[in-house]
C-alpha atoms as a PDB file:
ATOM      1  CA  MET A   1      -9.314 -15.376 -32.941  1.00  0.00           C
ATOM      2  CA  THR A   2      -7.282 -15.773 -29.734  1.00  0.00           C
ATOM      3  CA  ILE A   3      -4.045 -13.798 -29.639  1.00  0.00           C
ATOM      4  CA  GLN A   4      -1.268 -15.357 -27.593  1.00  0.00           C
ATOM      5  CA  PRO A   5       0.484 -12.896 -25.224  1.00  0.00           C
ATOM      6  CA  ILE A   6       4.003 -11.686 -25.926  1.00  0.00           C
ATOM      7  CA  SER A   7       6.527 -14.187 -24.607  1.00  0.00           C
ATOM      8  CA  LEU A   8       9.554 -13.248 -22.557  1.00  0.00           C
ATOM      9  CA  SER A   9      11.853 -14.915 -25.100  1.00  0.00           C
ATOM     10  CA  GLU A  10      10.399 -12.734 -27.869  1.00  0.00           C
ATOM     11  CA  LEU A  11      11.129  -9.554 -25.951  1.00  0.00           C
ATOM     12  CA  LEU A  12      14.583 -10.698 -24.874  1.00  0.00           C
ATOM     13  CA  SER A  13      15.463 -11.418 -28.501  1.00  0.00           C
ATOM     14  CA  LEU A  14      15.046  -7.679 -29.168  1.00  0.00           C
ATOM     15  CA  SER A  15      17.262  -6.550 -26.306  1.00  0.00           C
ATOM     16  CA  HIS A  16      20.237  -4.395 -27.275  1.00  0.00           C
ATOM     17  CA  HIS A  17      22.242  -4.811 -24.061  1.00  0.00           C
ATOM     18  CA  MET A  18      22.012  -5.584 -20.343  1.00  0.00           C
ATOM     19  CA  ILE A  19      22.514  -3.200 -17.436  1.00  0.00           C
ATOM     20  CA  ASP A  20      23.157  -3.875 -13.754  1.00  0.00           C
ATOM     21  CA  ILE A  21      21.004  -1.961 -11.276  1.00  0.00           C
ATOM     22  CA  GLN A  22      21.594  -1.111  -7.630  1.00  0.00           C
ATOM     23  CA  LYS A  23      18.924  -0.819  -4.938  1.00  0.00           C
ATOM     24  CA  GLY A  24      17.485   2.698  -4.743  1.00  0.00           C
ATOM     25  CA  GLU A  25      18.678   3.690  -8.227  1.00  0.00           C
ATOM     26  CA  TYR A  26      16.360   5.576 -10.611  1.00  0.00           C
ATOM     27  CA  ILE A  27      16.135   4.123 -14.109  1.00  0.00           C
ATOM     28  CA  PHE A  28      14.106   7.095 -15.298  1.00  0.00           C
ATOM     29  CA  ARG A  29      12.161   9.903 -13.632  1.00  0.00           C
ATOM     30  CA  GLU A  30       8.802  11.464 -14.316  1.00  0.00           C
ATOM     31  CA  GLY A  31       9.142  14.219 -16.920  1.00  0.00           C
ATOM     32  CA  GLU A  32      12.295  12.873 -18.582  1.00  0.00           C
ATOM     33  CA  THR A  33      12.396  11.825 -22.223  1.00  0.00           C
ATOM     34  CA  THR A  34      13.034   8.175 -23.009  1.00  0.00           C
ATOM     35  CA  ASN A  35      13.511   5.837 -25.969  1.00  0.00           C
ATOM     36  CA  GLU A  36      13.936   2.474 -24.239  1.00  0.00           C
ATOM     37  CA  LEU A  37      11.845  -0.425 -22.978  1.00  0.00           C
ATOM     38  CA  TYR A  38      13.129  -2.550 -20.082  1.00  0.00           C
ATOM     39  CA  ILE A  39      12.747  -6.174 -19.029  1.00  0.00           C
ATOM     40  CA  VAL A  40      13.507  -7.271 -15.470  1.00  0.00           C
ATOM     41  CA  CYS A  41      15.896 -10.231 -15.577  1.00  0.00           C
ATOM     42  CA  LYS A  42      16.696 -10.082 -11.867  1.00  0.00           C
ATOM     43  CA  GLY A  43      15.498  -7.912  -8.987  1.00  0.00           C
ATOM     44  CA  LYS A  44      12.439  -5.691  -8.507  1.00  0.00           C
ATOM     45  CA  VAL A  45      11.508  -2.244  -9.846  1.00  0.00           C
ATOM     46  CA  GLN A  46       8.714   0.034  -8.627  1.00  0.00           C
ATOM     47  CA  LEU A  47       6.824   2.471 -10.844  1.00  0.00           C
ATOM     48  CA  SER A  48       5.512   5.554  -9.066  1.00  0.00           C
ATOM     49  CA  LYS A  49       4.047   8.999  -9.623  1.00  0.00           C
ATOM     50  CA  MET A  50       4.095  12.118  -7.454  1.00  0.00           C
ATOM     51  CA  THR A  51       0.718  13.544  -6.430  1.00  0.00           C
ATOM     52  CA  GLU A  52      -0.064  17.259  -6.315  1.00  0.00           C
ATOM     53  CA  GLU A  53       0.365  17.082  -2.530  1.00  0.00           C
ATOM     54  CA  GLY A  54       3.925  15.825  -2.980  1.00  0.00           C
ATOM     55  CA  ARG A  55       3.153  12.239  -1.948  1.00  0.00           C
ATOM     56  CA  GLU A  56       4.544   9.266  -3.826  1.00  0.00           C
ATOM     57  CA  LEU A  57       1.887   7.029  -5.384  1.00  0.00           C
ATOM     58  CA  LEU A  58       3.225   3.538  -6.128  1.00  0.00           C
ATOM     59  CA  LEU A  59       1.549   2.096  -9.202  1.00  0.00           C
ATOM     60  CA  ARG A  60       3.290  -1.161 -10.004  1.00  0.00           C
ATOM     61  CA  ILE A  61       5.953  -3.622  -8.867  1.00  0.00           C
ATOM     62  CA  CYS A  62       7.907  -5.207 -11.727  1.00  0.00           C
ATOM     63  CA  GLU A  63       9.657  -8.519 -11.102  1.00  0.00           C
ATOM     64  CA  GLN A  64      11.602 -11.061 -13.145  1.00  0.00           C
ATOM     65  CA  GLY A  65      10.067 -11.387 -16.602  1.00  0.00           C
ATOM     66  CA  ASP A  66       8.071  -8.142 -16.429  1.00  0.00           C
ATOM     67  CA  ALA A  67       8.483  -5.419 -19.062  1.00  0.00           C
ATOM     68  CA  PHE A  68       8.086  -1.720 -18.367  1.00  0.00           C
ATOM     69  CA  GLY A  69       8.836   1.600 -20.008  1.00  0.00           C
ATOM     70  CA  GLU A  70       7.302   4.734 -21.476  1.00  0.00           C
ATOM     71  CA  ILE A  71       7.876   4.075 -25.175  1.00  0.00           C
ATOM     72  CA  VAL A  72       5.317   5.366 -27.689  1.00  0.00           C
ATOM     73  CA  PRO A  73       6.263   3.712 -31.003  1.00  0.00           C
ATOM     74  CA  PHE A  74       6.586   5.950 -34.077  1.00  0.00           C
ATOM     75  CA  GLN A  75       6.403   9.106 -32.015  1.00  0.00           C
ATOM     76  CA  LEU A  76       9.407  11.431 -32.168  1.00  0.00           C
ATOM     77  CA  THR A  77       9.789  11.951 -28.416  1.00  0.00           C
ATOM     78  CA  CYS A  78       8.411  10.068 -25.414  1.00  0.00           C
ATOM     79  CA  THR A  79       8.033  11.735 -22.020  1.00  0.00           C
ATOM     80  CA  CYS A  80       7.933   9.611 -18.861  1.00  0.00           C
ATOM     81  CA  THR A  81       4.658   9.927 -16.976  1.00  0.00           C
ATOM     82  CA  VAL A  82       5.995   7.867 -14.055  1.00  0.00           C
ATOM     83  CA  SER A  83       9.321   7.210 -12.326  1.00  0.00           C
ATOM     84  CA  ALA A  84      11.050   3.823 -12.186  1.00  0.00           C
ATOM     85  CA  LYS A  85      13.158   3.053  -9.111  1.00  0.00           C
ATOM     86  CA  THR A  86      14.898  -0.186  -8.180  1.00  0.00           C
ATOM     87  CA  MET A  87      13.770  -2.035  -5.049  1.00  0.00           C
ATOM     88  CA  GLU A  88      16.553  -4.630  -5.241  1.00  0.00           C
ATOM     89  CA  THR A  89      19.933  -5.043  -6.886  1.00  0.00           C
ATOM     90  CA  GLY A  90      19.489  -6.828 -10.200  1.00  0.00           C
ATOM     91  CA  THR A  91      19.764  -6.814 -13.990  1.00  0.00           C
ATOM     92  CA  LEU A  92      17.661  -5.306 -16.777  1.00  0.00           C
ATOM     93  CA  ALA A  93      17.543  -6.057 -20.500  1.00  0.00           C
ATOM     94  CA  VAL A  94      17.232  -2.896 -22.610  1.00  0.00           C
ATOM     95  CA  ILE A  95      15.257  -2.654 -25.870  1.00  0.00           C
ATOM     96  CA  HIS A  96      15.811   0.467 -27.972  1.00  0.00           C
ATOM     97  CA  LYS A  97      12.763   2.187 -29.475  1.00  0.00           C
ATOM     98  CA  GLN A  98      14.144   1.791 -33.013  1.00  0.00           C
ATOM     99  CA  GLN A  99      14.491  -1.988 -32.606  1.00  0.00           C
ATOM    100  CA  LEU A 100      10.934  -2.257 -31.322  1.00  0.00           C
ATOM    101  CA  GLU A 101       9.578  -0.164 -34.200  1.00  0.00           C
ATOM    102  CA  GLU A 102      11.380  -2.313 -36.785  1.00  0.00           C
ATOM    103  CA  LYS A 103       9.862  -5.448 -35.227  1.00  0.00           C
ATOM    104  CA  LEU A 104       6.362  -3.921 -35.198  1.00  0.00           C
ATOM    105  CA  LEU A 105       6.646  -2.994 -38.888  1.00  0.00           C
ATOM    106  CA  THR A 106       7.876  -6.410 -40.060  1.00  0.00           C
ATOM    107  CA  ASP A 107       6.034  -8.809 -37.731  1.00  0.00           C
ATOM    108  CA  HIS A 108       2.291  -8.160 -37.732  1.00  0.00           C
ATOM    109  CA  ALA A 109       1.534 -10.970 -35.283  1.00  0.00           C
ATOM    110  CA  PHE A 110       3.982  -9.443 -32.826  1.00  0.00           C
ATOM    111  CA  ALA A 111       2.389  -6.013 -33.387  1.00  0.00           C
ATOM    112  CA  LEU A 112      -1.013  -7.413 -32.393  1.00  0.00           C
ATOM    113  CA  ARG A 113       0.453  -8.986 -29.250  1.00  0.00           C
ATOM    114  CA  PHE A 114       2.215  -5.742 -28.375  1.00  0.00           C
ATOM    115  CA  MET A 115      -1.076  -3.832 -28.710  1.00  0.00           C
ATOM    116  CA  GLN A 116      -2.684  -6.391 -26.416  1.00  0.00           C
ATOM    117  CA  TRP A 117       0.077  -5.876 -23.828  1.00  0.00           C
ATOM    118  CA  ILE A 118      -0.329  -2.074 -23.963  1.00  0.00           C
ATOM    119  CA  HIS A 119      -4.092  -2.445 -23.492  1.00  0.00           C
ATOM    120  CA  LEU A 120      -3.563  -4.683 -20.464  1.00  0.00           C
ATOM    121  CA  GLN A 121      -1.258  -2.100 -18.853  1.00  0.00           C
ATOM    122  CA  LEU A 122      -3.896   0.599 -19.424  1.00  0.00           C
ATOM    123  CA  GLN A 123      -6.617  -1.569 -17.869  1.00  0.00           C
ATOM    124  CA  ARG A 124      -4.495  -2.168 -14.783  1.00  0.00           C
ATOM    125  CA  MET A 125      -3.795   1.532 -14.399  1.00  0.00           C
ATOM    126  CA  GLN A 126      -7.444   2.486 -14.901  1.00  0.00           C
ATOM    127  CA  THR A 127      -8.670   0.105 -12.196  1.00  0.00           C
ATOM    128  CA  LYS A 128      -6.189   1.529  -9.676  1.00  0.00           C
ATOM    129  CA  ILE A 129      -7.201   5.107 -10.489  1.00  0.00           C
ATOM    130  CA  ARG A 130     -10.874   4.063 -10.258  1.00  0.00           C
ATOM    131  CA  ASP A 131     -10.405   2.673  -6.766  1.00  0.00           C
ATOM    132  CA  LEU A 132      -8.682   5.849  -5.612  1.00  0.00           C
ATOM    133  CA  ILE A 133     -11.356   8.146  -7.028  1.00  0.00           C
ATOM    134  CA  LEU A 134     -14.512   6.176  -6.227  1.00  0.00           C
ATOM    135  CA  HIS A 135     -13.653   4.706  -2.832  1.00  0.00           C
ATOM    136  CA  GLY A 136     -11.176   7.117  -1.268  1.00  0.00           C
ATOM    137  CA  LYS A 137      -8.326   6.173   1.049  1.00  0.00           C
ATOM    138  CA  LYS A 138     -10.108   3.186   2.585  1.00  0.00           C
ATOM    139  CA  GLY A 139     -11.017   1.785  -0.824  1.00  0.00           C
ATOM    140  CA  ALA A 140      -7.472   2.332  -2.071  1.00  0.00           C
ATOM    141  CA  LEU A 141      -6.076   0.356   0.876  1.00  0.00           C
ATOM    142  CA  TYR A 142      -8.620  -2.447   0.570  1.00  0.00           C
ATOM    143  CA  SER A 143      -8.060  -2.807  -3.175  1.00  0.00           C
ATOM    144  CA  THR A 144      -4.283  -2.766  -2.608  1.00  0.00           C
ATOM    145  CA  LEU A 145      -4.605  -5.614  -0.100  1.00  0.00           C
ATOM    146  CA  ILE A 146      -6.719  -7.577  -2.592  1.00  0.00           C
ATOM    147  CA  ARG A 147      -4.135  -7.013  -5.338  1.00  0.00           C
ATOM    148  CA  LEU A 148      -1.353  -8.093  -2.997  1.00  0.00           C
ATOM    149  CA  THR A 149      -3.185 -11.367  -2.278  1.00  0.00           C
ATOM    150  CA  ASN A 150      -3.516 -11.980  -6.027  1.00  0.00           C
ATOM    151  CA  SER A 151       0.195 -11.305  -6.609  1.00  0.00           C
ATOM    152  CA  TYR A 152       1.842 -12.717  -3.482  1.00  0.00           C
ATOM    153  CA  GLY A 153      -0.910 -14.601  -1.642  1.00  0.00           C
ATOM    154  CA  VAL A 154      -0.220 -18.008  -0.121  1.00  0.00           C
ATOM    155  CA  GLU A 155      -3.141 -20.085   1.168  1.00  0.00           C
ATOM    156  CA  THR A 156      -2.765 -21.043   4.846  1.00  0.00           C
ATOM    157  CA  ASP A 157      -5.061 -22.520   7.507  1.00  0.00           C
ATOM    158  CA  ASP A 158      -5.645 -18.989   8.849  1.00  0.00           C
ATOM    159  CA  GLY A 159      -6.348 -17.293   5.516  1.00  0.00           C
ATOM    160  CA  ILE A 160      -4.231 -15.811   2.738  1.00  0.00           C
ATOM    161  CA  LEU A 161      -0.699 -14.820   3.730  1.00  0.00           C
ATOM    162  CA  ILE A 162       0.733 -11.944   1.685  1.00  0.00           C
ATOM    163  CA  ASP A 163       4.271 -13.303   1.336  1.00  0.00           C
ATOM    164  CA  PHE A 164       5.754  -9.875   0.664  1.00  0.00           C
ATOM    165  CA  PRO A 165       6.785  -7.806   3.681  1.00  0.00           C
ATOM    166  CA  MET A 166       5.713  -4.160   3.490  1.00  0.00           C
ATOM    167  CA  THR A 167       5.893  -1.275   5.918  1.00  0.00           C
ATOM    168  CA  ASN A 168       2.878   0.915   6.619  1.00  0.00           C
ATOM    169  CA  GLN A 169       4.640   3.693   4.712  1.00  0.00           C
ATOM    170  CA  GLU A 170       5.006   1.490   1.623  1.00  0.00           C
ATOM    171  CA  LEU A 171       1.331   0.568   1.828  1.00  0.00           C
ATOM    172  CA  ALA A 172       0.487   4.256   2.186  1.00  0.00           C
ATOM    173  CA  ASN A 173       2.490   5.000  -0.962  1.00  0.00           C
ATOM    174  CA  PHE A 174       0.378   2.496  -2.897  1.00  0.00           C
ATOM    175  CA  CYS A 175      -2.730   4.322  -1.685  1.00  0.00           C
ATOM    176  CA  GLY A 176      -1.451   7.858  -2.227  1.00  0.00           C
ATOM    177  CA  SER A 177      -2.164   8.429   1.459  1.00  0.00           C
ATOM    178  CA  ALA A 178      -0.405   9.355   4.699  1.00  0.00           C
ATOM    179  CA  ARG A 179       1.152   6.607   6.815  1.00  0.00           C
ATOM    180  CA  GLU A 180      -0.980   7.647   9.809  1.00  0.00           C
ATOM    181  CA  VAL A 181      -4.187   7.103   7.823  1.00  0.00           C
ATOM    182  CA  VAL A 182      -3.137   3.638   6.659  1.00  0.00           C
ATOM    183  CA  SER A 183      -1.990   2.688  10.178  1.00  0.00           C
ATOM    184  CA  ARG A 184      -5.414   3.651  11.543  1.00  0.00           C
ATOM    185  CA  LEU A 185      -7.270   1.685   8.851  1.00  0.00           C
ATOM    186  CA  LEU A 186      -5.075  -1.387   9.414  1.00  0.00           C
ATOM    187  CA  LYS A 187      -5.743  -1.171  13.159  1.00  0.00           C
ATOM    188  CA  GLU A 188      -9.493  -1.149  12.467  1.00  0.00           C
ATOM    189  CA  LEU A 189      -9.152  -4.234  10.260  1.00  0.00           C
ATOM    190  CA  LYS A 190      -7.147  -6.012  12.974  1.00  0.00           C
ATOM    191  CA  GLU A 191      -9.796  -5.219  15.585  1.00  0.00           C
ATOM    192  CA  LEU A 192     -12.478  -6.621  13.280  1.00  0.00           C
ATOM    193  CA  GLY A 193     -10.432  -9.802  12.801  1.00  0.00           C
ATOM    194  CA  ILE A 194     -10.148  -9.222   9.058  1.00  0.00           C
ATOM    195  CA  ILE A 195      -6.333  -9.198   9.069  1.00  0.00           C
ATOM    196  CA  SER A 196      -3.374  -9.965  11.313  1.00  0.00           C
ATOM    197  CA  VAL A 197       0.259  -8.914  10.960  1.00  0.00           C
ATOM    198  CA  GLU A 198       3.366 -10.851  11.948  1.00  0.00           C
ATOM    199  CA  LYS A 199       6.960  -9.907  11.101  1.00  0.00           C
ATOM    200  CA  GLY A 200       5.808  -7.322   8.590  1.00  0.00           C
ATOM    201  CA  LYS A 201       3.650  -9.791   6.642  1.00  0.00           C
ATOM    202  CA  ILE A 202      -0.136  -9.468   6.505  1.00  0.00           C
ATOM    203  CA  THR A 203      -2.556 -12.383   6.593  1.00  0.00           C
ATOM    204  CA  ILE A 204      -6.036 -11.731   5.214  1.00  0.00           C
ATOM    205  CA  HIS A 205      -8.607 -13.764   7.146  1.00  0.00           C
ATOM    206  CA  ASP A 206     -11.668 -12.505   5.258  1.00  0.00           C
ATOM    207  CA  VAL A 207     -10.856 -11.272   1.751  1.00  0.00           C
ATOM    208  CA  GLN A 208     -14.559 -11.250   0.855  1.00  0.00           C
ATOM    209  CA  PHE A 209     -15.108  -8.498   3.447  1.00  0.00           C
ATOM    210  CA  LEU A 210     -12.609  -6.295   1.588  1.00  0.00           C
ATOM    211  CA  LYS A 211     -14.240  -7.068  -1.768  1.00  0.00           C
ATOM    212  CA  ASP A 212     -17.728  -6.295  -0.463  1.00  0.00           C
ATOM    213  CA  GLU A 213     -16.593  -2.971   1.026  1.00  0.00           C
ATOM    214  CA  ILE A 214     -15.307  -1.695  -2.334  1.00  0.00           C
ATOM    215  CA  ARG A 215     -18.048  -3.366  -4.405  1.00  0.00           C
ATOM    216  CA  CYS A 216     -15.452  -5.500  -6.164  1.00  0.00           C
ATOM    217  CA  GLU A 217     -16.273  -6.007  -9.847  1.00  0.00           C
ATOM    218  CA  GLY A 218     -14.417  -9.325 -10.020  1.00  0.00           C
ATOM    219  CA  CYS A 219     -11.714  -8.230 -12.453  1.00  0.00           C
ATOM    220  CA  PRO A 220      -9.463 -11.045 -13.796  1.00  0.00           C
ATOM    221  CA  ILE A 221      -6.320 -11.647 -11.763  1.00  0.00           C
ATOM    222  CA  ASP A 222      -4.114 -10.563 -14.683  1.00  0.00           C
ATOM    223  CA  ILE A 223      -5.638  -7.085 -14.222  1.00  0.00           C
ATOM    224  CA  CYS A 224      -6.176  -7.054 -10.451  1.00  0.00           C
ATOM    225  CA  ASN A 225      -2.584  -7.419  -9.284  1.00  0.00           C
ATOM    226  CA  MET A 226       0.474  -5.347  -8.359  1.00  0.00           C
ATOM    227  CA  LYS A 227       2.420  -6.057 -11.545  1.00  0.00           C
END
């Protein structure tokens, strides 16, 4: 039996209210308790975690239509394992934990789709952790570039343009690495002709090189992305 994914309209129908967000604002921080799920109606939100060395590790970029939050249904308290910070001014729809639990209890089809969504989020997180552990800083950067092409890639005559400007520091945050390390690795890729950079946007000329270097397992795009 094929289970259809949760639709945006289904989630929005559960929303209790809307909130406006400003760029640079924290929606919740790692270690706080929470009882809400959020849907991005406008803007962008980044999910991140602090490493033991005090570096920020960016885990996900949520855009319009994406849901995020640290809710554990039917558990008394939920503690945030990541922080959510706005990248752009926008609007979020807020779903209270109680409303979600009532829906899960009364709509079994929705409950199955919600379980599927949770599993997908876990798969995405596991693949990012795997790349960090198995392939180190270089593998983390290469896999991040591959995920960026899957999320924001635009086919051009020269290769795949990542139509999402990022600084070296932002890339380093996705890799849990220092900016100097990422700058050095990007320079090596430029010298090899694998990438080029113009106005803060990266073009990948040979994505297969990156995949071969990290022994890419060919994960589906809905797992291998930045969302």
